[in-house]
Amino acid sequence: MTMYGKMCGFFALAAAIYFLCQTAVAGTAADSAKGPMLGALPATTGPFAVGKITVHWTDESRVEPLSPNHEPRELMVDIWYPAESSNAVAAEYLDVVAYEKVMGPDSFQNFFREASETLRQRVKTHAFVAAPYARSAQQGPVLIFSPGGGMVREVYAAQLEDLASHGYVVAAISHAYDAIVTLFPDGRHIAYSDKRWPTTPSVEGEANLNQLEWHANDIRFVLDELTRANLAPSSTLPFAGHLDLRHVGAFGHSFGGIAAAHACQLDRRFKACLNEDGVVAKRPLFLDDRGWAMDQAFMLILHDPPTRPLTDEQVAQTKMPRQRVEALVRRVDADQEAALRNTGRGSYRVRLRSEKVTHMDFSDLPLLGAHDRSDVEKRAAILVTVKSYVLAFFDHYVRGLNSELLNETAVTNEFVDTVQRFGPAEFPCPKQ
């Protein structure tokens, strides 16, 4: 299995349980009418043009144990925000030359797979580098995004720039030593290291909590830096002075979704948290010793199907007695239910159709790797579905706006299986 595959597989589900559960500038009207194009990101849907800036921040309070010289923790962060329209050339999607120089052409190809050739052709975003903050935008609520294990922040641009087009300021992190490569402005780079990762995931879904703490604290540190920049009178960042730090959310994909949930558990500045397909043995987060998930609102969007009865052949492949296998499946199902039922402001589970949606469809890579018009349209439609629920959730729980999508009583989207709402729980909740 490639490193890319290892990253995706680990945080989908521990191997045996995954098997069991699988079997059991805003776009104009003219742009939208054309539909998605091969090798292009979908048009943004909000009323604002989008600006983008990349920053290099160092957390002097944390020594990086993986650094040979024990340097402080360093992060690269892309920040997307509502901006004034510009006639400038759109921001480049990914610095392909720099990535290939560090990774080598073969590793670049193996990691980005079908999307690699499209990336080499210079995909453009819908954002403008360091564009002035939109004069007509109010103070922007803040969202912080954490990518999947091994992934880089750039490959989620469709989601991030679309949120910015709706008035959000969105900061996306590449976690050094955990992204496949982290590139710094001075030409240095940090390659992926597996030293903070378990070598083999357990059936029970054991996670490396040290890794979880590092990622969650990266998210919190980025919020600290945004707060500092917002208050600094001499800041040259375009969004400085425009951040609404009373309304903040966190979200992420795969392990990034679990890390975002943990950041919310640690920090009440985050008002809402969303996890995109990040589960370890079905758990989207880890309950505390009281059985409590978090005080805030929570949403889980996932693509795995509900557990179904196991055949004798399926049980035989686990090399465990049926009684033990079924007890284990019931337990991990109950763990997910407990995580969703024990939140202070309630939660949602949006289950996408696993026969149509893959784990990586939350990123841009399947869309950019599509080889024909039909596949482009399907991948773009899946991203539209994900973006719609992400926007509706944060609009409601961060901005306080009413959401028609969250209030729907029947699912009409072809990619959505079910949407379940879990009401607010009382704290402290009873033992499970």
Protein backbone atom coordinates (compact mmCIF):
# COMPACT_ATOMS: atom_id res chain seq x y z
CA MET A 1 0.00 0.00 0.00
CA THR A 2 1.30 3.47 -0.82
CA MET A 3 1.73 6.03 1.95
CA TYR A 4 -1.23 7.90 0.43
CA GLY A 5 -3.38 4.79 0.75
CA LYS A 6 -2.21 4.19 4.28
CA MET A 7 -3.31 7.67 5.32
CA CYS A 8 -6.77 7.31 3.81
CA GLY A 9 -7.30 3.79 5.12
CA PHE A 10 -6.22 4.40 8.69
CA PHE A 11 -8.74 7.09 9.41
CA ALA A 12 -11.63 5.62 7.48
CA LEU A 13 -11.84 2.68 9.94
CA ALA A 14 -9.59 0.09 11.51
CA ALA A 15 -9.20 -2.62 8.89
CA ALA A 16 -11.55 -5.33 10.16
CA ILE A 17 -14.31 -2.97 11.25
CA TYR A 18 -14.09 -1.07 7.98
CA PHE A 19 -14.72 -4.36 6.14
CA LEU A 20 -17.69 -5.24 8.31
CA CYS A 21 -19.32 -1.86 7.98
CA GLN A 22 -18.75 -1.66 4.25
CA THR A 23 -20.58 -4.87 3.70
CA ALA A 24 -23.07 -4.66 6.54
CA VAL A 25 -14.71 36.28 -7.67
CA ALA A 26 -18.07 34.67 -7.19
CA GLY A 27 -19.26 32.75 -10.25
CA THR A 28 -21.67 34.46 -12.62
CA ALA A 29 -24.86 32.90 -13.96
CA ALA A 30 -23.06 32.30 -17.25
CA ASP A 31 -20.28 30.43 -15.47
CA SER A 32 -22.77 28.22 -13.66
CA ALA A 33 -24.65 27.46 -16.86
CA LYS A 34 -21.48 26.04 -18.42
CA GLY A 35 -21.21 23.51 -15.64
CA PRO A 36 -17.97 22.03 -14.28
CA MET A 37 -15.05 21.72 -16.68
CA LEU A 38 -12.25 19.16 -16.90
CA GLY A 39 -9.32 20.20 -14.76
CA ALA A 40 -11.08 23.16 -13.15
CA LEU A 41 -12.53 23.97 -9.76
CA PRO A 42 -16.28 24.66 -9.60
CA ALA A 43 -17.32 28.30 -9.49
CA THR A 44 -17.89 29.79 -6.06
CA THR A 45 -21.51 30.33 -5.03
CA GLY A 46 -21.39 33.28 -2.63
CA PRO A 47 -21.77 37.01 -3.34
CA PHE A 48 -18.13 37.94 -2.65
CA ALA A 49 -14.96 37.68 -4.63
CA VAL A 50 -12.23 35.81 -2.77
CA GLY A 51 -8.78 36.80 -1.56
CA LYS A 52 -6.04 34.44 -0.48
CA ILE A 53 -2.85 34.88 1.46
CA THR A 54 -0.31 32.35 2.75
CA VAL A 55 1.46 32.82 6.07
CA HIS A 56 4.28 31.07 7.91
CA TRP A 57 3.72 31.03 11.66
CA THR A 58 6.02 29.71 14.39
CA ASP A 59 4.73 28.62 17.79
CA GLU A 60 7.57 29.52 20.13
CA SER A 61 5.75 27.88 23.05
CA ARG A 62 6.08 24.38 21.59
CA VAL A 63 9.33 22.56 20.84
CA GLU A 64 8.99 20.24 17.85
CA PRO A 65 10.30 16.83 19.00
CA LEU A 66 10.69 15.64 15.41
CA SER A 67 13.02 18.53 14.56
CA PRO A 68 16.67 17.41 14.53
CA ASN A 69 17.63 20.61 16.34
CA HIS A 70 14.47 20.81 18.48
CA GLU A 71 13.24 23.97 16.77
CA PRO A 72 9.84 25.49 17.60
CA ARG A 73 6.73 24.15 15.88
CA GLU A 74 6.24 25.71 12.40
CA LEU A 75 3.09 25.80 10.29
CA MET A 76 2.10 26.97 6.83
CA VAL A 77 -1.42 28.37 6.62
CA ASP A 78 -3.56 29.53 3.70
CA ILE A 79 -6.18 32.13 4.61
CA TRP A 80 -9.16 32.71 2.32
CA TYR A 81 -11.43 35.74 2.85
CA PRO A 82 -14.10 37.90 1.16
CA ALA A 83 -12.36 40.40 -1.08
CA GLU A 84 -12.80 43.18 -3.56
CA SER A 85 -13.14 42.00 -7.15
CA SER A 86 -9.92 42.04 -9.12
CA ASN A 87 -8.80 41.77 -12.72
CA ALA A 88 -5.57 40.16 -11.58
CA VAL A 89 -4.66 36.60 -12.49
CA ALA A 90 -6.18 34.09 -10.09
CA ALA A 91 -3.99 32.53 -7.43
CA GLU A 92 -2.21 29.34 -8.40
CA TYR A 93 -3.68 26.20 -6.89
CA LEU A 94 -0.48 24.35 -5.98
CA ASP A 95 3.23 25.11 -6.44
CA VAL A 96 3.77 22.04 -8.58
CA VAL A 97 7.39 22.86 -9.41
CA ALA A 98 8.33 23.12 -5.74
CA TYR A 99 6.44 19.97 -4.77
CA GLU A 100 7.96 17.93 -7.60
CA LYS A 101 11.45 19.24 -6.82
CA VAL A 102 11.16 17.98 -3.25
CA MET A 103 9.13 14.82 -3.85
CA GLY A 104 10.45 13.79 -7.24
CA PRO A 105 8.17 13.23 -10.26
CA ASP A 106 7.39 9.60 -9.43
CA SER A 107 6.43 10.27 -5.81
CA PHE A 108 4.38 13.28 -6.91
CA GLN A 109 2.55 11.04 -9.39
CA ASN A 110 2.00 8.28 -6.82
CA PHE A 111 0.67 10.66 -4.18
CA PHE A 112 -1.67 12.83 -6.26
CA ARG A 113 -2.59 9.93 -8.54
CA GLU A 114 -5.09 10.70 -11.30
CA ALA A 115 -5.02 14.40 -10.44
CA SER A 116 -1.25 14.72 -10.95
CA GLU A 117 -1.37 15.54 -14.68
CA THR A 118 -4.10 18.12 -14.14
CA LEU A 119 -2.04 19.71 -11.37
CA ARG A 120 0.96 19.92 -13.70
CA GLN A 121 -1.20 21.93 -16.10
CA ARG A 122 -1.56 24.67 -13.48
CA VAL A 123 -5.02 24.60 -11.96
CA LYS A 124 -6.25 28.06 -11.00
CA THR A 125 -8.32 28.99 -8.01
CA HIS A 126 -11.08 31.62 -7.93
CA ALA A 127 -9.05 33.71 -5.49
CA PHE A 128 -6.73 36.68 -5.90
CA VAL A 129 -3.50 36.90 -3.96
CA ALA A 130 -3.57 39.49 -1.14
CA ALA A 131 -6.65 41.24 -2.60
CA PRO A 132 -8.14 44.00 -0.42
CA TYR A 133 -10.79 42.85 2.05
CA ALA A 134 -14.31 43.39 0.71
CA ARG A 135 -15.59 46.82 1.73
CA SER A 136 -19.19 45.59 1.70
CA ALA A 137 -18.46 42.57 3.90
CA GLN A 138 -19.28 42.73 7.56
CA GLN A 139 -16.87 41.37 10.16
CA GLY A 140 -16.04 37.89 8.95
CA PRO A 141 -16.73 34.84 11.14
CA VAL A 142 -13.67 32.60 11.33
CA LEU A 143 -13.30 28.92 10.41
CA ILE A 144 -10.15 26.85 10.81
CA PHE A 145 -9.61 23.75 8.66
CA SER A 146 -7.37 20.73 9.25
CA PRO A 147 -6.68 18.35 6.33
CA GLY A 148 -6.58 14.58 6.37
CA GLY A 149 -3.54 12.63 7.54
CA GLY A 150 -0.66 13.09 5.11
CA MET A 151 -2.63 15.57 3.00
CA VAL A 152 -1.83 19.19 2.24
CA ARG A 153 -4.10 22.18 2.71
CA GLU A 154 -4.14 23.15 -0.97
CA VAL A 155 -6.24 20.20 -2.14
CA TYR A 156 -9.40 21.42 -0.40
CA ALA A 157 -9.63 24.74 -2.25
CA ALA A 158 -13.13 24.14 -3.64
CA GLN A 159 -14.58 24.05 -0.13
CA LEU A 160 -12.44 26.78 1.35
CA GLU A 161 -12.82 29.43 -1.32
CA ASP A 162 -16.56 28.81 -1.51
CA LEU A 163 -16.94 29.49 2.22
CA ALA A 164 -14.93 32.69 1.79
CA SER A 165 -17.27 33.75 -1.01
CA HIS A 166 -20.05 33.61 1.59
CA GLY A 167 -18.20 35.96 3.94
CA TYR A 168 -16.16 33.58 6.08
CA VAL A 169 -12.46 33.95 6.80
CA VAL A 170 -11.07 30.42 6.48
CA ALA A 171 -7.61 29.37 7.64
CA ALA A 172 -6.32 26.01 6.35
CA ILE A 173 -3.28 24.34 7.90
CA SER A 174 -0.54 22.08 6.59
CA HIS A 175 0.67 20.25 9.70
CA ALA A 176 4.46 19.99 9.50
CA TYR A 177 5.82 16.41 9.58
CA ASP A 178 2.28 15.18 8.99
CA ALA A 179 1.61 16.60 5.52
CA ILE A 180 3.38 14.72 2.72
CA VAL A 181 5.57 17.83 2.36
CA THR A 182 5.46 21.23 4.04
CA LEU A 183 7.15 23.96 1.96
CA PHE A 184 8.44 27.15 3.59
CA PRO A 185 9.02 30.57 2.00
CA ASP A 186 12.79 30.42 2.55
CA GLY A 187 13.11 27.26 0.43
CA ARG A 188 13.22 24.79 3.31
CA HIS A 189 10.86 21.87 3.45
CA ILE A 190 9.76 19.28 5.99
CA ALA A 191 8.89 15.83 4.73
CA TYR A 192 6.26 13.54 6.18
CA SER A 193 7.27 11.47 9.19
CA ASP A 194 5.32 8.53 10.59
CA LYS A 195 6.90 8.74 14.05
CA ARG A 196 3.75 10.20 15.60
CA TRP A 197 1.56 7.56 13.96
CA PRO A 198 0.80 4.01 15.14
CA THR A 199 2.30 1.42 12.80
CA THR A 200 -0.84 -0.73 12.74
CA PRO A 201 -4.35 0.43 13.69
CA SER A 202 -6.11 -1.88 16.09
CA VAL A 203 -9.52 -3.41 15.46
CA GLU A 204 -10.82 -1.45 18.44
CA GLY A 205 -9.80 1.85 16.84
CA GLU A 206 -6.93 2.84 19.10
CA ALA A 207 -5.51 6.18 18.02
CA ASN A 208 -2.24 7.91 18.70
CA LEU A 209 -3.51 10.59 21.04
CA ASN A 210 -0.19 12.41 21.02
CA GLN A 211 -0.73 13.09 17.33
CA LEU A 212 -4.26 14.21 18.10
CA GLU A 213 -3.02 16.70 20.69
CA TRP A 214 -0.48 18.17 18.28
CA HIS A 215 -3.04 18.74 15.54
CA ALA A 216 -5.67 20.12 17.91
CA ASN A 217 -3.14 22.52 19.38
CA ASP A 218 -2.10 23.60 15.88
CA ILE A 219 -5.73 24.59 15.30
CA ARG A 220 -5.84 26.52 18.56
CA PHE A 221 -2.51 28.20 17.81
CA VAL A 222 -3.80 29.41 14.43
CA LEU A 223 -6.78 30.97 16.19
CA ASP A 224 -4.35 32.67 18.61
CA GLU A 225 -2.37 34.09 15.68
CA LEU A 226 -5.48 35.30 13.89
CA THR A 227 -6.57 37.02 17.09
CA ARG A 228 -3.17 38.67 17.44
CA ALA A 229 -3.15 39.81 13.81
CA ASN A 230 -6.68 41.16 14.06
CA LEU A 231 -5.70 43.43 16.95
CA ALA A 232 -2.30 44.54 15.64
CA PRO A 233 -2.54 48.11 14.31
CA SER A 234 0.53 47.60 12.13
CA SER A 235 -0.61 44.30 10.58
CA THR A 236 -0.35 44.15 6.79
CA LEU A 237 -2.66 41.15 6.49
CA PRO A 238 -5.69 42.15 4.36
CA PHE A 239 -8.23 40.76 6.83
CA ALA A 240 -6.69 42.38 9.93
CA GLY A 241 -9.33 44.26 11.89
CA HIS A 242 -12.14 42.49 10.04
CA LEU A 243 -12.37 39.22 11.99
CA ASP A 244 -15.42 38.42 14.10
CA LEU A 245 -13.70 36.39 16.80
CA ARG A 246 -16.92 35.90 18.75
CA HIS A 247 -18.09 33.55 15.99
CA VAL A 248 -15.53 30.83 15.30
CA GLY A 249 -15.77 27.23 14.10
CA ALA A 250 -13.41 24.36 13.32
CA PHE A 251 -13.65 21.59 10.75
CA GLY A 252 -11.50 19.05 9.00
CA HIS A 253 -11.35 15.99 6.80
CA SER A 254 -10.45 12.46 7.95
CA PHE A 255 -7.98 12.74 10.85
CA GLY A 256 -8.34 16.51 10.51
CA GLY A 257 -12.02 16.10 11.39
CA ILE A 258 -11.14 14.25 14.59
CA ALA A 259 -8.52 16.90 15.39
CA ALA A 260 -11.05 19.69 14.83
CA ALA A 261 -13.45 17.95 17.21
CA HIS A 262 -10.71 17.67 19.81
CA ALA A 263 -9.83 21.35 19.43
CA CYS A 264 -13.48 22.14 20.23
CA GLN A 265 -13.31 19.90 23.28
CA LEU A 266 -10.27 21.82 24.51
CA ASP A 267 -11.29 25.36 23.60
CA ARG A 268 -14.66 27.05 24.11
CA ARG A 269 -13.75 29.83 21.67
CA PHE A 270 -14.97 27.43 18.97
CA LYS A 271 -18.76 27.61 18.74
CA ALA A 272 -19.27 24.70 16.35
CA CYS A 273 -17.30 21.78 14.96
CA LEU A 274 -17.66 19.66 11.82
CA ASN A 275 -15.97 16.36 10.98
CA GLU A 276 -15.78 15.23 7.34
CA ASP A 277 -15.47 11.44 7.22
CA GLY A 278 -13.00 11.17 10.08
CA VAL A 279 -13.70 8.08 12.18
CA VAL A 280 -11.58 5.58 14.09
CA ALA A 281 -13.64 2.40 14.49
CA LYS A 282 -16.68 4.60 13.81
CA ARG A 283 -15.80 7.13 16.52
CA PRO A 284 -15.73 10.70 15.16
CA LEU A 285 -14.24 11.95 18.44
CA PHE A 286 -13.17 10.60 21.82
CA LEU A 287 -15.53 11.00 24.77
CA ASP A 288 -14.09 12.20 28.05
CA ASP A 289 -14.17 10.07 31.20
CA ARG A 290 -17.70 11.31 31.93
CA GLY A 291 -18.98 10.14 28.56
CA TRP A 292 -19.27 13.74 27.32
CA ALA A 293 -18.48 14.68 23.71
CA MET A 294 -18.38 18.48 23.64
CA ASP A 295 -20.33 21.53 24.75
CA GLN A 296 -20.69 22.89 21.21
CA ALA A 297 -22.76 21.88 18.21
CA PHE A 298 -21.31 19.08 16.09
CA MET A 299 -21.84 17.63 12.62
CA LEU A 300 -20.46 14.40 11.18
CA ILE A 301 -20.61 13.93 7.41
CA LEU A 302 -19.54 10.43 6.45
CA HIS A 303 -19.73 8.03 3.54
CA ASP A 304 -19.82 4.61 5.20
CA PRO A 305 -23.10 2.64 5.18
CA PRO A 306 -25.03 1.49 8.24
CA THR A 307 -23.97 -1.85 9.71
CA ARG A 308 -25.74 -4.79 8.09
CA PRO A 309 -26.04 -8.47 9.18
CA LEU A 310 -22.85 -10.42 8.58
CA THR A 311 -22.64 -13.49 6.39
CA ASP A 312 -20.75 -16.59 7.52
CA GLU A 313 -18.05 -15.80 4.95
CA GLN A 314 -17.57 -12.29 6.34
CA VAL A 315 -17.30 -13.59 9.90
CA ALA A 316 -14.81 -16.25 8.80
CA GLN A 317 -12.54 -13.59 7.28
CA THR A 318 -12.21 -11.87 10.66
CA LYS A 319 -10.92 -15.12 12.22
CA MET A 320 -13.06 -14.46 15.29
CA PRO A 321 -16.17 -16.22 16.61
CA ARG A 322 -19.44 -14.72 15.34
CA GLN A 323 -20.56 -13.79 18.84
CA ARG A 324 -17.39 -11.79 19.42
CA VAL A 325 -17.54 -10.08 16.03
CA GLU A 326 -21.17 -9.06 16.45
CA ALA A 327 -20.49 -7.76 19.97
CA LEU A 328 -17.59 -5.70 18.63
CA VAL A 329 -19.74 -4.25 15.85
CA ARG A 330 -22.49 -3.35 18.32
CA ARG A 331 -19.95 -1.64 20.52
CA VAL A 332 -18.44 0.56 17.81
CA ASP A 333 -21.94 1.45 16.58
CA ALA A 334 -22.83 2.46 20.14
CA ASP A 335 -19.63 4.53 20.40
CA GLN A 336 -20.66 6.64 17.42
CA GLU A 337 -24.16 7.08 18.76
CA ALA A 338 -22.78 8.17 22.13
CA ALA A 339 -20.53 10.76 20.49
CA LEU A 340 -23.49 12.24 18.64
CA ARG A 341 -25.97 12.14 21.52
CA ASN A 342 -23.74 13.73 24.15
CA THR A 343 -23.18 17.24 22.83
CA GLY A 344 -24.31 20.43 24.52
CA ARG A 345 -25.94 22.05 21.49
CA GLY A 346 -26.95 18.95 19.59
CA SER A 347 -25.47 17.25 16.55
CA TYR A 348 -26.14 15.95 13.04
CA ARG A 349 -25.09 12.86 11.14
CA VAL A 350 -25.22 13.28 7.37
CA ARG A 351 -24.67 9.87 5.81
CA LEU A 352 -23.65 9.98 2.15
CA ARG A 353 -24.25 7.05 -0.17
CA SER A 354 -21.12 4.88 0.00
CA GLU A 355 -21.77 3.38 -3.43
CA LYS A 356 -21.45 6.85 -4.96
CA VAL A 357 -19.09 8.76 -2.67
CA THR A 358 -15.50 7.94 -1.68
CA HIS A 359 -13.39 9.09 1.25
CA MET A 360 -11.36 11.43 -0.95
CA ASP A 361 -14.43 13.08 -2.53
CA PHE A 362 -14.29 15.59 0.33
CA SER A 363 -11.13 16.94 -1.32
CA ASP A 364 -10.60 18.30 -4.83
CA LEU A 365 -8.49 15.36 -6.04
CA PRO A 366 -11.22 13.09 -7.52
CA LEU A 367 -12.67 16.08 -9.38
CA LEU A 368 -9.28 17.15 -10.71
CA GLY A 369 -8.48 13.55 -11.62
CA ALA A 370 -11.72 12.94 -13.53
CA HIS A 371 -11.17 11.74 -17.10
CA ASP A 372 -14.50 12.48 -18.77
CA ARG A 373 -17.37 14.90 -18.57
CA SER A 374 -19.69 12.50 -16.77
CA ASP A 375 -17.18 11.87 -14.00
CA VAL A 376 -16.47 15.60 -13.69
CA GLU A 377 -20.17 16.33 -13.25
CA LYS A 378 -20.55 13.59 -10.63
CA ARG A 379 -17.51 14.67 -8.59
CA ALA A 380 -18.53 18.32 -8.78
CA ALA A 381 -22.05 17.43 -7.62
CA ILE A 382 -20.65 15.52 -4.64
CA LEU A 383 -18.58 18.57 -3.67
CA VAL A 384 -21.67 20.75 -4.00
CA THR A 385 -23.47 18.41 -1.60
CA VAL A 386 -20.66 18.53 0.96
CA LYS A 387 -20.29 22.32 0.65
CA SER A 388 -24.02 22.81 1.10
CA TYR A 389 -24.13 20.98 4.43
CA VAL A 390 -20.92 22.60 5.68
CA LEU A 391 -22.23 26.07 4.86
CA ALA A 392 -25.69 25.37 6.33
CA PHE A 393 -24.19 24.05 9.58
CA PHE A 394 -21.82 26.95 10.14
CA ASP A 395 -24.38 29.53 9.02
CA HIS A 396 -26.72 28.20 11.70
CA TYR A 397 -24.37 27.54 14.59
CA VAL A 398 -21.67 30.15 14.02
CA ARG A 399 -23.68 32.96 12.43
CA GLY A 400 -27.04 32.22 14.00
CA LEU A 401 -28.88 32.13 10.66
CA ASN A 402 -31.83 29.89 9.96
CA SER A 403 -31.00 26.99 7.67
CA GLU A 404 -33.59 25.53 5.33
CA LEU A 405 -31.32 22.60 4.50
CA LEU A 406 -30.93 21.56 8.14
CA ASN A 407 -34.70 21.84 8.61
CA GLU A 408 -35.58 19.56 5.70
CA THR A 409 -37.73 16.61 6.74
CA ALA A 410 -36.97 14.44 3.69
CA VAL A 411 -33.72 13.91 1.79
CA THR A 412 -33.91 14.75 -1.91
CA ASN A 413 -30.19 14.77 -2.78
CA GLU A 414 -29.08 11.70 -4.76
CA PHE A 415 -25.79 11.49 -2.84
CA VAL A 416 -27.33 11.64 0.64
CA ASP A 417 -28.67 8.52 2.33
CA THR A 418 -29.96 9.94 5.62
CA VAL A 419 -29.71 13.04 7.81
CA GLN A 420 -30.24 12.53 11.53
CA ARG A 421 -30.56 15.22 14.16
CA PHE A 422 -29.61 14.56 17.79
CA GLY A 423 -30.94 17.07 20.30
CA PRO A 424 -28.87 18.90 22.91
CA ALA A 425 -27.81 16.76 25.87
CA GLU A 426 -27.74 17.73 29.50
CA PHE A 427 -24.36 18.06 31.18
CA PRO A 428 -23.03 16.08 32.93
CA CYS A 429 -24.52 13.25 30.98
CA PRO A 430 -25.18 9.89 32.63
CA LYS A 431 -22.72 7.05 32.29
CA GLN A 432 -23.22 5.11 29.08
